[in-house]
Amino acid sequence: MTWLCTLHIRLCDRIGAAGLMAGLAAIVLAAVYTSQYGFGLEPCELCLAQRWPWWIALGLGVLGTLFRHQPVLAGRLPFVLALVFLAGAGIAGFHVGVEQGWWEGPTACSQLGSDAAMSLDQLRDMVMSRVRTVPCDQPAAVFLGLSMAGWNVLISLAAAIYAFCIGLKEVRG
């Protein structure tokens, strides 16, 4: 465990905490794009929505790394990143609820939408269209008992806590 603390201190000295958070965002995005294009796991609408906070965190982290010697930015950016990660955890948590059947997802996530009285022409158009609707209530992959959305909740919450703690450290000096 000591080696991990030493590595963390060295990385923070070189690229700053914002750089570490940008690195985490890059790793998460690389994992989801690898699962999509490398392993053929098609994302649903909620999966795609979960990527936005990671892209925002990546951009903010890169900016924070470039301007890490600006005291105003260094003091406030971790709190902004914490909010971005919390938003990501919220989207992922909603997705987990849809997967578990706790509530319904958006109509874009269902094969037939919410209108059960679909006309024959609408059904034919849907079948003939090249756009494939991936249902949000069926996990594409489960690892150690958690779906990808479940893992996103945990990683996003851990990142939010980390960013908040870094922000408190920056504020306190």
Protein backbone atom coordinates (compact mmCIF):
# COMPACT_ATOMS: atom_id res chain seq x y z
CA MET A 1 0.00 0.00 0.00
CA THR A 2 2.94 2.31 0.60
CA TRP A 3 3.98 2.03 -3.04
CA LEU A 4 0.53 3.22 -4.07
CA CYS A 5 0.80 6.32 -1.88
CA THR A 6 4.30 7.00 -3.24
CA LEU A 7 3.05 6.63 -6.82
CA HIS A 8 0.11 8.95 -6.08
CA ILE A 9 2.39 11.64 -4.62
CA ARG A 10 4.82 11.43 -7.57
CA LEU A 11 2.02 11.61 -10.13
CA CYS A 12 0.37 14.53 -8.34
CA ASP A 13 3.72 16.36 -8.32
CA ARG A 14 4.17 15.86 -12.06
CA ILE A 15 0.69 16.21 -13.55
CA GLY A 16 -1.48 17.31 -10.66
CA ALA A 17 -4.69 15.79 -9.35
CA ALA A 18 -6.60 17.09 -12.38
CA GLY A 19 -4.24 15.11 -14.59
CA LEU A 20 -4.94 11.98 -12.57
CA MET A 21 -8.68 12.54 -12.98
CA ALA A 22 -8.21 13.10 -16.73
CA GLY A 23 -6.26 9.84 -16.82
CA LEU A 24 -9.08 8.01 -15.04
CA ALA A 25 -11.60 9.46 -17.49
CA ALA A 26 -9.42 8.36 -20.42
CA ILE A 27 -9.17 4.83 -19.00
CA VAL A 28 -12.93 4.57 -18.49
CA LEU A 29 -13.65 5.89 -21.99
CA ALA A 30 -11.07 3.52 -23.49
CA ALA A 31 -12.75 0.62 -21.68
CA VAL A 32 -16.26 1.46 -22.91
CA TYR A 33 -15.13 2.02 -26.50
CA THR A 34 -13.11 -1.21 -26.41
CA SER A 35 -16.16 -3.09 -25.15
CA GLN A 36 -18.25 -1.53 -27.92
CA TYR A 37 -15.93 -1.80 -30.91
CA GLY A 38 -13.61 -4.57 -29.75
CA PHE A 39 -16.14 -6.93 -28.18
CA GLY A 40 -19.33 -5.93 -29.99
CA LEU A 41 -21.29 -4.79 -26.93
CA GLU A 42 -23.80 -2.31 -28.35
CA PRO A 43 -24.62 0.57 -25.98
CA CYS A 44 -28.16 1.65 -25.20
CA GLU A 45 -29.27 5.28 -24.92
CA LEU A 46 -28.48 5.40 -21.19
CA CYS A 47 -25.05 3.87 -21.80
CA LEU A 48 -24.32 6.65 -24.27
CA ALA A 49 -25.56 9.27 -21.79
CA GLN A 50 -23.17 7.90 -19.15
CA ARG A 51 -20.21 8.74 -21.37
CA TRP A 52 -20.85 12.49 -21.35
CA PRO A 53 -19.65 13.12 -17.76
CA TRP A 54 -16.46 11.20 -18.51
CA TRP A 55 -15.80 13.32 -21.61
CA ILE A 56 -16.44 16.47 -19.59
CA ALA A 57 -14.12 15.24 -16.83
CA LEU A 58 -11.44 14.45 -19.41
CA GLY A 59 -11.66 17.96 -20.85
CA LEU A 60 -11.68 19.64 -17.45
CA GLY A 61 -8.82 17.45 -16.28
CA VAL A 62 -6.70 18.38 -19.27
CA LEU A 63 -7.45 22.08 -18.72
CA GLY A 64 -6.65 21.69 -15.04
CA THR A 65 -3.36 20.04 -15.90
CA LEU A 66 -2.40 22.78 -18.34
CA PHE A 67 -3.27 25.53 -15.87
CA ARG A 68 -2.45 23.74 -12.62
CA HIS A 69 -0.27 26.60 -11.37
CA GLN A 70 -3.22 29.01 -11.36
CA PRO A 71 -4.38 29.11 -7.72
CA VAL A 72 -7.97 30.06 -8.51
CA LEU A 73 -8.37 27.16 -10.92
CA ALA A 74 -6.53 24.67 -8.73
CA GLY A 75 -8.81 25.48 -5.80
CA ARG A 76 -12.14 25.28 -7.63
CA LEU A 77 -11.67 22.70 -10.36
CA PRO A 78 -11.71 19.64 -8.07
CA PHE A 79 -15.15 20.68 -6.78
CA VAL A 80 -16.44 21.09 -10.33
CA LEU A 81 -15.03 17.67 -11.21
CA ALA A 82 -16.69 16.20 -8.11
CA LEU A 83 -20.05 17.53 -9.34
CA VAL A 84 -19.43 16.10 -12.82
CA PHE A 85 -18.61 12.69 -11.32
CA LEU A 86 -21.71 12.86 -9.11
CA ALA A 87 -23.83 13.62 -12.17
CA GLY A 88 -22.29 10.60 -13.87
CA ALA A 89 -23.07 8.45 -10.83
CA GLY A 90 -26.66 9.71 -10.95
CA ILE A 91 -27.10 8.78 -14.61
CA ALA A 92 -25.49 5.38 -13.99
CA GLY A 93 -27.64 4.84 -10.89
CA PHE A 94 -30.76 5.58 -12.90
CA HIS A 95 -29.59 3.04 -15.48
CA VAL A 96 -29.04 0.41 -12.78
CA GLY A 97 -32.61 1.04 -11.60
CA VAL A 98 -33.90 0.48 -15.13
CA GLU A 99 -31.86 -2.73 -15.41
CA GLN A 100 -33.21 -3.98 -12.09
CA GLY A 101 -36.80 -3.10 -13.02
CA TRP A 102 -37.16 -0.54 -10.21
CA TRP A 103 -38.50 2.01 -12.72
CA GLU A 104 -39.00 2.41 -16.44
CA GLY A 105 -36.37 3.86 -18.69
CA PRO A 106 -36.82 6.37 -21.48
CA THR A 107 -38.92 5.31 -24.46
CA ALA A 108 -35.78 5.37 -26.63
CA CYS A 109 -34.59 2.39 -24.58
CA SER A 110 -37.44 0.04 -25.43
CA GLN A 111 -37.86 -2.00 -28.56
CA LEU A 112 -41.42 -0.90 -29.24
CA GLY A 113 -41.59 2.33 -27.27
CA SER A 114 -44.38 2.94 -24.79
CA ASP A 115 -47.16 2.81 -27.40
CA ALA A 116 -48.38 -0.78 -27.48
CA ALA A 117 -51.01 0.10 -30.12
CA MET A 118 -48.46 0.42 -32.92
CA SER A 119 -49.84 0.34 -36.44
CA LEU A 120 -48.71 -2.27 -38.92
CA ASP A 121 -46.94 0.43 -40.98
CA GLN A 122 -45.06 1.70 -37.90
CA LEU A 123 -44.03 -1.86 -37.01
CA ARG A 124 -42.81 -2.51 -40.58
CA ASP A 125 -40.87 0.78 -40.61
CA MET A 126 -39.23 -0.11 -37.32
CA VAL A 127 -38.25 -3.59 -38.54
CA MET A 128 -36.97 -2.30 -41.88
CA SER A 129 -34.99 0.61 -40.44
CA ARG A 130 -31.27 0.15 -40.06
CA VAL A 131 -31.34 1.74 -36.61
CA ARG A 132 -31.34 -0.94 -33.96
CA THR A 133 -32.77 -0.09 -30.57
CA VAL A 134 -30.74 -1.58 -27.73
CA PRO A 135 -32.92 -2.12 -24.65
CA CYS A 136 -31.72 -0.36 -21.48
CA ASP A 137 -33.24 -2.91 -19.12
CA GLN A 138 -30.92 -5.73 -20.23
CA PRO A 139 -27.25 -5.39 -19.21
CA ALA A 140 -24.86 -5.94 -22.11
CA ALA A 141 -22.28 -7.45 -19.75
CA VAL A 142 -22.06 -8.41 -16.09
CA PHE A 143 -18.73 -8.67 -14.27
CA LEU A 144 -18.49 -9.89 -10.65
CA GLY A 145 -22.25 -9.50 -10.28
CA LEU A 146 -22.40 -5.89 -11.46
CA SER A 147 -23.41 -4.53 -14.84
CA MET A 148 -21.28 -1.94 -16.56
CA ALA A 149 -23.70 0.70 -15.25
CA GLY A 150 -23.23 -0.65 -11.72
CA TRP A 151 -19.45 -0.40 -12.06
CA ASN A 152 -19.87 3.13 -13.39
CA VAL A 153 -21.80 4.09 -10.25
CA LEU A 154 -18.97 2.84 -8.03
CA ILE A 155 -16.15 4.36 -10.09
CA SER A 156 -17.96 7.69 -10.44
CA LEU A 157 -18.67 7.89 -6.70
CA ALA A 158 -15.06 7.04 -5.86
CA ALA A 159 -13.85 9.69 -8.31
CA ALA A 160 -16.26 12.26 -6.82
CA ILE A 161 -15.03 11.55 -3.31
CA TYR A 162 -11.41 11.76 -4.46
CA ALA A 163 -12.02 15.05 -6.28
CA PHE A 164 -13.85 16.50 -3.28
CA CYS A 165 -11.00 15.52 -0.93
CA ILE A 166 -8.43 17.05 -3.29
CA GLY A 167 -10.53 20.21 -3.41
CA LEU A 168 -10.62 20.40 0.38
CA LYS A 169 -6.85 19.92 0.48
CA GLU A 170 -6.36 22.73 -2.04
CA VAL A 171 -8.66 25.10 -0.14
CA ARG A 172 -6.97 24.40 3.17
CA GLY A 173 -3.53 24.83 1.68
